[in-house]
């Protein structure tokens, strides 16, 4: 009777160890796949930052403005706020 109990306990321990090793293997595989995705995403982010840095370079901005025929001395349209509208006489009823 004791021998059957010992054999059953050892079989249970063996099955438990196999199950734990399988779970560990699955977790290791998932971790490696996540690390691979992380490296790819980090590389993509670095490429986008590099491209953004290139596009926001003052020389590139001036070149694109020249190609698009944008006058650099032209002032942008400025919307008058409520305080400035009160100062002007001809815009009392104008609202945004």
C-alpha atoms as a PDB file:
ATOM      1  CA  UNK A   1       0.000   0.000   0.000  1.00  0.00           C
ATOM      2  CA  UNK A   2       2.782   2.419   0.858  1.00  0.00           C
ATOM      3  CA  UNK A   3       4.586   1.562  -2.345  1.00  0.00           C
ATOM      4  CA  UNK A   4       1.494   2.433  -4.433  1.00  0.00           C
ATOM      5  CA  UNK A   5       1.177   5.766  -2.573  1.00  0.00           C
ATOM      6  CA  UNK A   6       4.847   6.605  -3.189  1.00  0.00           C
ATOM      7  CA  UNK A   7       4.532   5.692  -6.887  1.00  0.00           C
ATOM      8  CA  UNK A   8       1.370   7.814  -7.239  1.00  0.00           C
ATOM      9  CA  UNK A   9       3.078  10.783  -5.525  1.00  0.00           C
ATOM     10  CA  UNK A  10       6.143  10.485  -7.778  1.00  0.00           C
ATOM     11  CA  UNK A  11       3.894  10.255 -10.861  1.00  0.00           C
ATOM     12  CA  UNK A  12       1.998  13.359  -9.724  1.00  0.00           C
ATOM     13  CA  UNK A  13       5.245  15.232  -9.143  1.00  0.00           C
ATOM     14  CA  UNK A  14       6.492  14.144 -12.586  1.00  0.00           C
ATOM     15  CA  UNK A  15       3.300  15.304 -14.305  1.00  0.00           C
ATOM     16  CA  UNK A  16       3.467  18.594 -12.399  1.00  0.00           C
ATOM     17  CA  UNK A  17       7.092  19.175 -13.459  1.00  0.00           C
ATOM     18  CA  UNK A  18       6.278  18.430 -17.104  1.00  0.00           C
ATOM     19  CA  UNK A  19       3.362  20.871 -16.917  1.00  0.00           C
ATOM     20  CA  UNK A  20       5.533  23.596 -15.342  1.00  0.00           C
ATOM     21  CA  UNK A  21       8.258  23.119 -17.959  1.00  0.00           C
ATOM     22  CA  UNK A  22       5.687  23.346 -20.747  1.00  0.00           C
ATOM     23  CA  UNK A  23       4.263  26.574 -19.259  1.00  0.00           C
ATOM     24  CA  UNK A  24       7.801  27.941 -18.891  1.00  0.00           C
ATOM     25  CA  UNK A  25       8.574  27.106 -22.517  1.00  0.00           C
ATOM     26  CA  UNK A  26       5.384  28.823 -23.703  1.00  0.00           C
ATOM     27  CA  UNK A  27       6.174  31.904 -21.597  1.00  0.00           C
ATOM     28  CA  UNK A  28       9.766  32.001 -22.903  1.00  0.00           C
ATOM     29  CA  UNK A  29       8.519  31.792 -26.501  1.00  0.00           C
ATOM     30  CA  UNK A  30       6.021  34.617 -25.897  1.00  0.00           C
ATOM     31  CA  UNK A  31       8.708  36.741 -24.248  1.00  0.00           C
ATOM     32  CA  UNK A  32      11.080  36.270 -27.188  1.00  0.00           C
ATOM     33  CA  UNK A  33       8.378  37.149 -29.713  1.00  0.00           C
ATOM     34  CA  UNK A  34       7.464  40.282 -27.722  1.00  0.00           C
ATOM     35  CA  UNK A  35      11.128  41.309 -27.552  1.00  0.00           C
ATOM     36  CA  UNK A  36      11.421  40.853 -31.323  1.00  0.00           C
ATOM     37  CA  UNK A  37       8.339  43.032 -31.882  1.00  0.00           C
ATOM     38  CA  UNK A  38       9.734  45.609 -29.432  1.00  0.00           C
ATOM     39  CA  UNK A  39      13.003  45.828 -31.356  1.00  0.00           C
ATOM     40  CA  UNK A  40      11.135  46.271 -34.649  1.00  0.00           C
ATOM     41  CA  UNK A  41       8.850  48.959 -33.199  1.00  0.00           C
ATOM     42  CA  UNK A  42      11.795  50.781 -31.620  1.00  0.00           C
ATOM     43  CA  UNK A  43      13.642  50.714 -34.952  1.00  0.00           C
ATOM     44  CA  UNK A  44      10.550  52.073 -36.732  1.00  0.00           C
ATOM     45  CA  UNK A  45      10.209  54.853 -34.138  1.00  0.00           C
ATOM     46  CA  UNK A  46      13.872  55.794 -34.559  1.00  0.00           C
ATOM     47  CA  UNK A  47      13.457  55.913 -38.334  1.00  0.00           C
ATOM     48  CA  UNK A  48      10.397  58.149 -37.989  1.00  0.00           C
ATOM     49  CA  UNK A  49      12.243  60.453 -35.574  1.00  0.00           C
ATOM     50  CA  UNK A  50      15.140  60.650 -38.000  1.00  0.00           C
ATOM     51  CA  UNK A  51      12.813  61.454 -40.895  1.00  0.00           C
ATOM     52  CA  UNK A  52      10.988  64.070 -38.807  1.00  0.00           C
ATOM     53  CA  UNK A  53      14.297  65.637 -37.825  1.00  0.00           C
ATOM     54  CA  UNK A  54      15.279  65.760 -41.480  1.00  0.00           C
ATOM     55  CA  UNK A  55      11.958  67.302 -42.511  1.00  0.00           C
ATOM     56  CA  UNK A  56      12.048  69.940 -39.751  1.00  0.00           C
ATOM     57  CA  UNK A  57      15.568  70.992 -40.634  1.00  0.00           C
ATOM     58  CA  UNK A  58      15.481  74.747 -41.474  1.00  0.00           C
ATOM     59  CA  UNK A  59      17.188  74.093 -44.810  1.00  0.00           C
ATOM     60  CA  UNK A  60      14.547  71.516 -45.767  1.00  0.00           C
ATOM     61  CA  UNK A  61      11.717  73.808 -44.669  1.00  0.00           C
ATOM     62  CA  UNK A  62      13.116  76.642 -46.795  1.00  0.00           C
ATOM     63  CA  UNK A  63      13.540  74.269 -49.749  1.00  0.00           C
ATOM     64  CA  UNK A  64       9.944  73.010 -49.486  1.00  0.00           C
ATOM     65  CA  UNK A  65       8.652  76.579 -49.103  1.00  0.00           C
ATOM     66  CA  UNK A  66      10.579  77.561 -52.235  1.00  0.00           C
ATOM     67  CA  UNK A  67       9.161  74.598 -54.178  1.00  0.00           C
ATOM     68  CA  UNK A  68       5.609  75.437 -53.029  1.00  0.00           C
ATOM     69  CA  UNK A  69       6.052  79.156 -53.882  1.00  0.00           C
ATOM     70  CA  UNK A  70       5.391  80.265 -50.317  1.00  0.00           C
ATOM     71  CA  UNK A  71       6.584  83.787 -49.617  1.00  0.00           C
ATOM     72  CA  UNK A  72       8.566  83.673 -46.341  1.00  0.00           C
ATOM     73  CA  UNK A  73       7.943  87.377 -45.648  1.00  0.00           C
ATOM     74  CA  UNK A  74       4.160  87.066 -45.875  1.00  0.00           C
ATOM     75  CA  UNK A  75       2.437  87.436 -42.511  1.00  0.00           C
ATOM     76  CA  UNK A  76      -0.180  84.828 -41.620  1.00  0.00           C
ATOM     77  CA  UNK A  77      -3.800  85.856 -41.161  1.00  0.00           C
ATOM     78  CA  UNK A  78      -4.412  86.825 -37.569  1.00  0.00           C
ATOM     79  CA  UNK A  79      -7.859  86.413 -36.083  1.00  0.00           C
ATOM     80  CA  UNK A  80      -8.996  89.197 -33.803  1.00  0.00           C
ATOM     81  CA  UNK A  81      -9.931  88.095 -30.321  1.00  0.00           C
ATOM     82  CA  UNK A  82     -12.775  89.576 -28.236  1.00  0.00           C
ATOM     83  CA  UNK A  83     -10.534  92.180 -26.601  1.00  0.00           C
ATOM     84  CA  UNK A  84      -9.222  93.432 -29.917  1.00  0.00           C
ATOM     85  CA  UNK A  85     -12.711  93.495 -31.474  1.00  0.00           C
ATOM     86  CA  UNK A  86     -13.883  95.824 -28.684  1.00  0.00           C
ATOM     87  CA  UNK A  87     -11.138  98.285 -29.591  1.00  0.00           C
ATOM     88  CA  UNK A  88     -12.110  98.372 -33.262  1.00  0.00           C
ATOM     89  CA  UNK A  89     -15.138 100.492 -34.128  1.00  0.00           C
ATOM     90  CA  UNK A  90     -16.340  98.734 -37.274  1.00  0.00           C
ATOM     91  CA  UNK A  91     -16.452  95.162 -35.894  1.00  0.00           C
ATOM     92  CA  UNK A  92     -18.784  95.451 -32.905  1.00  0.00           C
ATOM     93  CA  UNK A  93     -21.265  92.843 -34.150  1.00  0.00           C
ATOM     94  CA  UNK A  94     -18.671  90.405 -35.572  1.00  0.00           C
ATOM     95  CA  UNK A  95     -18.377  87.040 -33.860  1.00  0.00           C
ATOM     96  CA  UNK A  96     -16.139  84.053 -34.531  1.00  0.00           C
END
